[in-house]
Protein backbone atom coordinates (compact mmCIF):
# COMPACT_ATOMS: atom_id res chain seq x y z
CA MET A 1 50.70 78.33 18.94
CA SER A 2 48.98 75.08 19.58
CA GLN A 3 45.39 74.97 20.77
CA PRO A 4 44.50 72.90 23.74
CA THR A 5 42.43 69.76 22.91
CA GLN A 6 39.08 69.64 24.54
CA GLN A 7 38.39 66.40 26.31
CA PRO A 8 34.88 65.21 26.86
CA PRO A 9 33.73 65.56 30.35
CA TYR A 10 34.78 62.66 32.56
CA GLY A 11 32.18 59.97 32.84
CA ALA A 12 30.18 60.90 29.71
CA PRO A 13 28.36 57.83 28.22
CA GLN A 14 29.74 56.38 24.97
CA PRO A 15 27.41 55.02 22.23
CA TYR A 16 27.07 51.10 22.24
CA ASN A 17 26.67 48.99 19.14
CA PRO A 18 25.69 45.37 20.12
CA GLY A 19 26.15 43.99 16.57
CA PRO A 20 23.81 41.57 14.73
CA ALA A 21 21.82 39.16 16.91
CA PRO A 22 22.60 35.42 16.33
CA ALA A 23 20.00 33.57 14.22
CA GLN A 24 17.65 31.29 16.18
CA ALA A 25 18.00 27.57 15.32
CA ARG A 26 14.95 26.10 13.57
CA ASN A 27 14.86 22.44 14.56
CA GLY A 28 11.14 21.76 14.23
CA LEU A 29 11.19 20.01 10.85
CA GLY A 30 13.89 17.53 11.84
CA THR A 31 12.03 16.65 15.03
CA THR A 32 8.75 16.29 13.12
CA ALA A 33 10.44 13.97 10.62
CA LEU A 34 11.69 11.75 13.45
CA VAL A 35 8.28 11.54 15.13
CA LEU A 36 6.42 10.86 11.87
CA GLY A 37 9.03 8.28 10.89
CA ILE A 38 8.59 6.34 14.14
CA ILE A 39 4.78 6.41 14.00
CA GLY A 40 4.68 5.65 10.28
CA LEU A 41 7.02 2.67 10.63
CA LEU A 42 4.81 1.14 13.33
CA ILE A 43 1.61 1.68 11.35
CA ALA A 44 3.16 0.41 8.10
CA PHE A 45 3.23 -3.15 9.47
CA VAL A 46 -0.52 -3.16 10.13
CA PRO A 47 -1.99 -5.00 7.08
CA LEU A 48 -5.00 -2.76 6.53
CA LEU A 49 -3.24 0.49 7.51
CA PHE A 50 -0.09 0.17 5.39
CA TRP A 51 -1.31 3.04 3.20
CA LEU A 52 -1.47 5.38 6.20
CA GLY A 53 2.07 4.39 7.15
CA GLY A 54 3.15 5.21 3.60
CA ILE A 55 1.62 8.70 3.82
CA LEU A 56 3.34 9.38 7.14
CA GLY A 57 6.60 8.06 5.75
CA LEU A 58 6.39 10.37 2.74
CA LEU A 59 5.73 13.39 4.97
CA ALA A 60 8.59 12.36 7.25
CA LEU A 61 10.93 12.11 4.26
CA ILE A 62 9.99 15.60 3.06
CA PHE A 63 10.40 17.14 6.51
CA GLY A 64 13.66 15.26 7.08
CA LEU A 65 15.22 16.46 3.82
CA VAL A 66 14.19 20.04 4.49
CA GLY A 67 15.56 19.75 8.06
CA LEU A 68 18.89 18.47 6.69
CA GLY A 69 19.04 21.43 4.34
CA ARG A 70 18.57 23.81 7.23
CA ALA A 71 21.26 22.04 9.23
CA LYS A 72 23.75 22.35 6.35
CA ARG A 73 23.03 26.06 6.09
CA GLY A 74 23.49 26.50 9.81
CA GLU A 75 19.84 27.32 10.35
CA ALA A 76 19.28 24.24 12.54
CA THR A 77 21.36 22.42 15.12
CA ASN A 78 19.67 18.99 15.15
CA LYS A 79 21.26 17.44 12.10
CA GLY A 80 21.38 14.01 13.78
CA VAL A 81 17.66 14.10 14.49
CA ALA A 82 16.90 15.10 10.90
CA VAL A 83 19.10 12.27 9.60
CA ALA A 84 17.36 9.75 11.85
CA GLY A 85 13.93 11.00 10.73
CA THR A 86 14.94 10.72 7.07
CA VAL A 87 16.24 7.17 7.51
CA LEU A 88 13.07 6.12 9.35
CA ALA A 89 10.99 7.72 6.62
CA ALA A 90 12.76 5.65 3.97
CA LEU A 91 12.27 2.49 6.01
CA THR A 92 8.59 3.34 6.47
CA LEU A 93 8.07 3.69 2.71
CA VAL A 94 9.78 0.35 2.07
CA ALA A 95 7.70 -1.34 4.78
CA SER A 96 4.48 0.17 3.40
CA VAL A 97 5.20 -1.10 -0.10
CA PHE A 98 6.05 -4.55 1.26
CA MET A 99 2.90 -4.78 3.38
CA GLY A 100 0.83 -3.48 0.47
CA ILE A 101 2.09 -6.32 -1.73
CA VAL A 102 1.47 -8.87 1.04
CA THR A 103 -2.05 -7.55 1.64
CA VAL A 104 -2.95 -7.61 -2.06
CA MET A 105 -1.68 -11.18 -2.38
CA ALA A 106 -3.65 -12.24 0.70
CA VAL A 107 -6.82 -10.62 -0.62
CA ASP A 108 -6.38 -12.27 -4.02
CA GLU A 109 -5.90 -15.65 -2.35
CA ALA A 110 -8.99 -15.12 -0.20
CA VAL A 111 -11.04 -14.12 -3.27
CA ASP A 112 -9.85 -17.24 -5.09
CA GLU A 113 -10.89 -19.42 -2.15
CA ILE A 114 -14.31 -17.74 -2.04
CA ASN A 115 -14.76 -18.23 -5.78
CA LYS A 116 -13.84 -21.89 -5.45
CA ALA A 117 -16.33 -22.32 -2.62
CA VAL A 118 -19.05 -20.57 -4.63
CA ASP A 119 -18.31 -22.69 -7.71
CA ALA A 120 -18.37 -25.85 -5.60
CA SER A 121 -21.73 -24.94 -4.10
CA ALA A 122 -23.30 -23.65 -7.32
CA PRO A 123 -26.62 -25.26 -8.24
CA LYS A 124 -26.08 -28.47 -10.11
CA GLU A 125 -28.65 -29.47 -12.68
CA ALA A 126 -29.24 -33.03 -13.66
CA GLY A 127 -26.80 -33.90 -16.41
CA ALA A 128 -28.36 -36.97 -17.91
CA ALA A 129 -31.53 -36.15 -15.97
CA ALA A 130 -32.31 -39.80 -15.41
CA GLU A 131 -30.79 -43.03 -16.48
CA LYS A 132 -32.41 -46.43 -16.43
CA PRO A 133 -30.31 -49.52 -15.78
CA ALA A 134 -29.08 -51.38 -18.82
CA ASP A 135 -31.66 -53.61 -20.49
CA ALA A 136 -31.16 -57.03 -22.05
CA THR A 137 -29.59 -55.53 -25.18
CA GLY A 138 -26.97 -53.69 -23.18
CA GLY A 139 -28.35 -50.24 -23.93
CA THR A 140 -29.64 -47.57 -21.58
CA GLU A 141 -32.83 -45.57 -21.65
CA ASP A 142 -32.53 -41.91 -20.62
CA LYS A 143 -35.37 -40.01 -19.06
CA ALA A 144 -36.04 -36.40 -20.01
CA LYS A 145 -35.29 -33.83 -17.34
CA GLY A 146 -38.25 -33.34 -15.03
CA GLU A 147 -39.94 -36.60 -16.05
CA THR A 148 -41.20 -38.78 -13.22
CA LEU A 149 -39.04 -41.84 -12.65
CA ALA A 150 -39.99 -45.42 -11.95
CA ALA A 151 -38.72 -47.77 -9.26
CA GLY A 152 -35.07 -48.61 -9.88
CA ASP A 153 -34.43 -45.59 -12.11
CA SER A 154 -31.41 -43.42 -11.35
CA VAL A 155 -30.83 -39.70 -11.73
CA VAL A 156 -27.25 -38.56 -12.44
CA TYR A 157 -26.14 -35.03 -11.59
CA ASP A 158 -23.40 -32.99 -13.21
CA ASP A 159 -20.93 -33.81 -10.43
CA ASP A 160 -21.52 -37.55 -11.02
CA VAL A 161 -23.68 -38.00 -7.94
CA THR A 162 -26.29 -40.69 -8.66
CA VAL A 163 -29.55 -41.19 -6.75
CA THR A 164 -31.57 -44.40 -7.05
CA VAL A 165 -34.91 -45.21 -5.40
CA SER A 166 -36.16 -48.77 -5.03
CA ALA A 167 -39.67 -50.17 -5.26
CA PRO A 168 -41.72 -49.82 -2.05
CA LYS A 169 -41.91 -52.74 0.33
CA ALA A 170 -44.77 -53.18 2.80
CA TYR A 171 -43.76 -53.71 6.42
CA SER A 172 -45.22 -53.58 9.92
CA PRO A 173 -44.00 -50.68 12.08
CA SER A 174 -43.15 -51.37 15.70
CA GLU A 175 -45.58 -50.45 18.45
CA PHE A 176 -43.40 -47.46 19.33
CA ALA A 177 -43.27 -46.12 15.76
CA ILE A 178 -43.83 -42.41 15.18
CA GLY A 179 -45.67 -41.23 12.07
CA HIS A 180 -47.82 -44.32 11.50
CA THR A 181 -51.61 -43.96 11.69
CA SER A 182 -53.77 -46.92 12.57
CA GLY A 183 -55.61 -48.15 9.48
CA ASN A 184 -52.91 -46.95 7.07
CA LYS A 185 -50.24 -49.08 5.46
CA ALA A 186 -46.51 -48.63 5.99
CA TYR A 187 -43.92 -48.97 3.24
CA GLN A 188 -40.15 -49.07 3.18
CA VAL A 189 -38.31 -47.30 0.36
CA THR A 190 -34.55 -47.68 -0.11
CA VAL A 191 -32.60 -44.65 -1.38
CA VAL A 192 -29.04 -45.13 -2.61
CA ILE A 193 -26.62 -42.26 -3.30
CA GLU A 194 -23.45 -43.12 -5.20
CA ASN A 195 -20.58 -40.68 -5.61
CA ALA A 196 -18.79 -41.29 -8.91
CA GLY A 197 -17.14 -37.87 -8.84
CA THR A 198 -13.69 -36.80 -7.73
CA GLU A 199 -14.62 -34.93 -4.54
CA LYS A 200 -16.38 -35.86 -1.33
CA PHE A 201 -20.14 -35.44 -1.35
CA ASP A 202 -21.89 -34.05 1.74
CA SER A 203 -25.06 -36.10 2.12
CA THR A 204 -26.25 -34.41 5.31
CA LEU A 205 -28.72 -32.13 3.50
CA THR A 206 -30.39 -34.94 1.55
CA THR A 207 -34.19 -34.94 1.96
CA ALA A 208 -36.84 -37.50 1.02
CA ASP A 209 -40.60 -36.76 1.03
CA ALA A 210 -43.58 -38.68 -0.27
CA ARG A 211 -47.21 -38.27 -1.35
CA ALA A 212 -49.66 -41.12 -1.73
CA GLY A 213 -52.59 -41.90 -4.01
CA GLU A 214 -54.16 -39.96 -6.84
CA GLY A 215 -55.05 -37.14 -4.44
CA GLY A 216 -51.41 -36.66 -3.55
CA VAL A 217 -51.96 -36.62 0.19
CA GLU A 218 -48.83 -36.35 2.30
CA ALA A 219 -47.34 -39.70 3.20
CA GLU A 220 -45.90 -39.01 6.61
CA GLN A 221 -42.44 -40.34 7.30
CA ILE A 222 -42.26 -43.12 9.86
CA PHE A 223 -39.62 -43.31 12.57
CA ASP A 224 -38.96 -46.50 14.50
CA ASP A 225 -36.10 -48.87 15.20
CA THR A 226 -35.76 -49.95 11.55
CA VAL A 227 -36.46 -46.80 9.50
CA GLY A 228 -36.36 -43.04 9.91
CA GLY A 229 -32.66 -42.24 9.95
CA GLY A 230 -31.47 -39.94 7.18
CA PHE A 231 -28.15 -39.61 5.40
CA GLU A 232 -25.22 -38.46 7.51
CA GLY A 233 -21.66 -37.37 6.81
CA THR A 234 -19.84 -37.36 3.49
CA ILE A 235 -19.56 -39.95 0.74
CA ALA A 236 -16.06 -40.45 -0.61
CA PRO A 237 -15.43 -40.69 -4.37
CA GLY A 238 -16.28 -44.15 -5.64
CA LYS A 239 -18.42 -44.95 -2.58
CA LYS A 240 -22.15 -45.12 -1.95
CA ALA A 241 -24.53 -44.77 0.98
CA THR A 242 -27.92 -46.42 1.55
CA VAL A 243 -30.81 -45.29 3.73
CA VAL A 244 -34.20 -46.97 4.22
CA TYR A 245 -37.11 -44.57 4.66
CA GLY A 246 -40.55 -45.47 5.98
CA PHE A 247 -43.73 -43.80 4.70
CA ASP A 248 -47.31 -44.02 5.92
CA ALA A 249 -49.95 -44.21 3.14
CA PRO A 250 -53.73 -44.58 3.12
CA ALA A 251 -54.85 -48.20 2.79
CA ASP A 252 -56.50 -47.56 -0.60
CA ALA A 253 -53.52 -45.73 -2.13
CA LYS A 254 -52.20 -47.33 -5.30
CA THR A 255 -49.13 -45.18 -5.84
CA LEU A 256 -46.45 -43.51 -3.77
CA THR A 257 -44.63 -40.49 -5.19
CA VAL A 258 -41.22 -40.10 -3.57
CA GLU A 259 -39.25 -36.89 -4.05
CA VAL A 260 -35.52 -36.87 -3.24
CA SER A 261 -33.16 -33.90 -3.20
CA PRO A 262 -29.42 -34.50 -2.58
CA GLY A 263 -29.05 -30.97 -1.19
CA ILE A 264 -30.23 -27.38 -1.38
CA PHE A 265 -28.12 -26.73 -4.48
CA TYR A 266 -29.50 -29.71 -6.41
CA ASP A 267 -32.71 -30.15 -8.37
CA SER A 268 -35.06 -32.62 -6.73
CA SER A 269 -36.36 -35.66 -8.63
CA GLN A 270 -39.56 -37.69 -8.28
CA TRP A 271 -40.17 -41.42 -8.46
CA GLU A 272 -43.68 -42.77 -9.10
CA LEU A 273 -43.84 -46.07 -7.23
CA THR A 274 -46.61 -48.63 -7.53
CA LEU A 275 -47.95 -49.98 -4.24
């Protein structure tokens, strides 16, 4: 005899199994790679910040590769963004290396130019300290470095710049002359600079001073319509420039010591001139 089957009461709740929840997409690394790639590529072209662009590019490359791995495993949905970030990262690294090379070359060139400028402006000592014009026998008489020169003697520097001072010549300053004292005597001294070197010589910084008599009192420079102008501009190779200076000396002075310096990087030389 069969038994009746018991049915659950009508309307009784049934158990519900929702199943596993879908995994949440992790797109942060791909997006980060894209942002860092864009910023790094812009910075990489700044000469002094190329290294920072390289660092950002390296980080972008790492994040981009990891983001691509997630996309392949289905853990991320922004594969295109990760690919773009990776490509930009690679371009950033290439740009950083390129700008690094360009910057290093530019710095080396600048250093070379600075070294050349320093070498060109290095102090130049008198090479043949002083050279006297050829005598009747055709020879030359060299002065020792630091020795006082006589009228007509020349001093030759290492860059083949030659300075010559003439014998003093008495003259009468004009009534509007500056630097002449009544009762003193005025003298003209001619200074010649010859450039026998291979480069232009800047004569602007040439100075000429004088002292008079055994006491070495200052012989003030005279300025009027005939004397007082100094050297100006440059002297081309193979050329020379001449300037006439005026000096005011006591009436009883027997000598005039003239000191000439071709520039701040040159040794000065002295000429002992008889009045």
